[in-house]
């Protein structure tokens, strides 16, 4: 900008405006700095920070295929549709060989097919009844056509279909900041609000300490700075110093979300409040768990009451009063086994929890570590999120644990890079792997299974029986009964998803939704089938005195005896029992299963299959929500998988799991930008000897 010289007039404005560069700004107010408000949001991405764009690699996944052989995926080569007709005309006009491989078509000619033609062409359309129609028009292009339809369509089906060829990209206007340029031009200590929110909470606390304000501004900002610092301190105290304020809620783990809510309550400084916490230690390393326990004790000392549902040993030992419910799960549980101080519960011989706390029962350290088959999957130059260009070797044929403090880069390495790369190679997955130079050794794997805590289904129609394929076999048994054959009922009759056997009043849901307008919807049992999902005729067919609804209401352990003469059904039931789910009803709706139960149902589905010796099982914190008794069962299953020659990679904080692993990859040393490096690799004994490893320090006493 050229400012006026001393002998020229200087133009001034009462508003926030510059007459020399046409920049203006509204009067500053809080809503301007929010990407959820139109005043502050980026006008291009509307405050999302990302935009969906068509990805050429998804539209043309294989460049060794010709257009006539289906290289352009959104176009069905067998259909005589409009786009296909237009491409034929364009190819003839511009002399494009549609039988040539995509990689052999010159870029300028391929761009015409993808992005359109500058010339008016004549198209000849043939309708289904054989009539022909000629039309002169510009050719729009495949990509341009999809982009236009995505914006204009009112059909959710078409929009979802087009999205399968799209990827999420950072908005080029705001570069992911979500805010408009005017807001981003407001700086404090040379940082705008987006740059400040991208700092880790630890670094943001330092930034606030280093604010250099004039005396007048210090007076104005004093209370605000104090409040900001207090809130940042609360987040640090619950072990979240590695997070940034700009992190989206969807990327937070359940444990991180819970600790953010906990920090809010600590900050409120309320007294006389009853707090109920459901497993606050989820996803926490022992180093961070100590901070969490101290925060809970601080809330108690303020005069509050805390009731915590927890399996973590350190949290139980820090409690004032322990209530142990059991002794086992399902119909074998539901009783108060012991009450009192942790010491009193430890002295109760009937308490399984007490036995694990006292050391009477414990998960044994294996006498010998497996060496593996000598093969490796090697990740080179991993840079996803906070990973610092690291090289990692995953040995095959062993039980590997990836450890490290919260935010050290475990999920980035295993889920984003290892799993997505292997899945992309084996199944041509559309998910893009995390950043790295290369992943070698993938050819040694023929199957990869990711076991997460995500639900097995989001509707009541999904349940453990349908997920593991058990329900198909049970319906076959009912279709073979004498009564079913007399009435001509096939296996479809016994499905609550298909017309015929289901209750048509509720369409097989078993419940009816009552819309309450300004209140949440209410679900009540169907008054026709009374929640059974089936019509009267279907329920009249019985096997061993039980109808299909009765079977769905039975627990896994009950059904093992009930179907003892059906090997196929028995095998699937026993796998559910082996993973510790003998207590669940096979017809229990998917949304009512906990994350840990959902993960074990997925594991049971995979255990039914014959081991190949070349499978890779990846589990993300499988012990979440599990008691030590259940962890012992889970470890038996994982060891069985490895003994079959397959490979298990587990992201885990639980020291009972870590101590039985054959190989450990410890990341850190801390979280966020202070993590992302390999601290140590090797057996648990080797990790325990490493002075720089937080995991090693806590692992010592377990070995």
Foldseek 3Di string as FASTA:
>chain_A
DDADDPPDDHDDDPAQADPPPGDGDHDDDDVLCDLCDPNWFAPPVSLQQKDKAFDPCLQQVDQQFFVCRCRRPVDDNVDLDDLNQVVVQLCVVVVFDRRGGNVPTDPVSLCCQAAWDPDWTKTWHADPVGDIDIDIGTGGHNRSVLVVCCVPPPDPVSVVVSSSRIDMGGDPQVRSLRTHPNQQVDDFPRGGPSRLQQDFLLVNLVVLVPGDDDPVVCVVCVVVSVLSNLLSVLCVLLPRRQDGNPDDPVPDDPLSVQSNVLSVVLSVLDAAEEEEEEANCPLFFPVSVVSNLVSVVSRVVSHYHYHYHHQDLVNLLSDQKDWAWAQDDFPRTDHGQDIGHLVRLLPRPSHPSSCPNVVVDAQDFDPDFDPAPPAWKWFAQADFAQADRDIDTHGWLFEEEEEAGRFQCRCLPPVQAVPVVLCCVQPVDPRHHHDGDDIPPSVLFNAEAEQFLDFLDDALLDFLCVSLVLLQVVLQVLCPDPVNVVVVHHSQLLRLQDPNFFDPVCSLRQWDWDDPPVDDIDIDGDPQVNSLGTHPVQQVRDDPRGGSSRQQQDFLLVVLVVPVVPVVSNLLSVLCVLLPRRNDRRSGGRVVDGSLSRSSSSVSSVVSDDQPLRYEYEYEANCVPHHSVSVSSNVVSVVVNSVSNGYYYYHHNDLSSLSRTSKYFYWANDRHNRINYTQDIGHLVVLLPRPSHPSNVVNVVVD
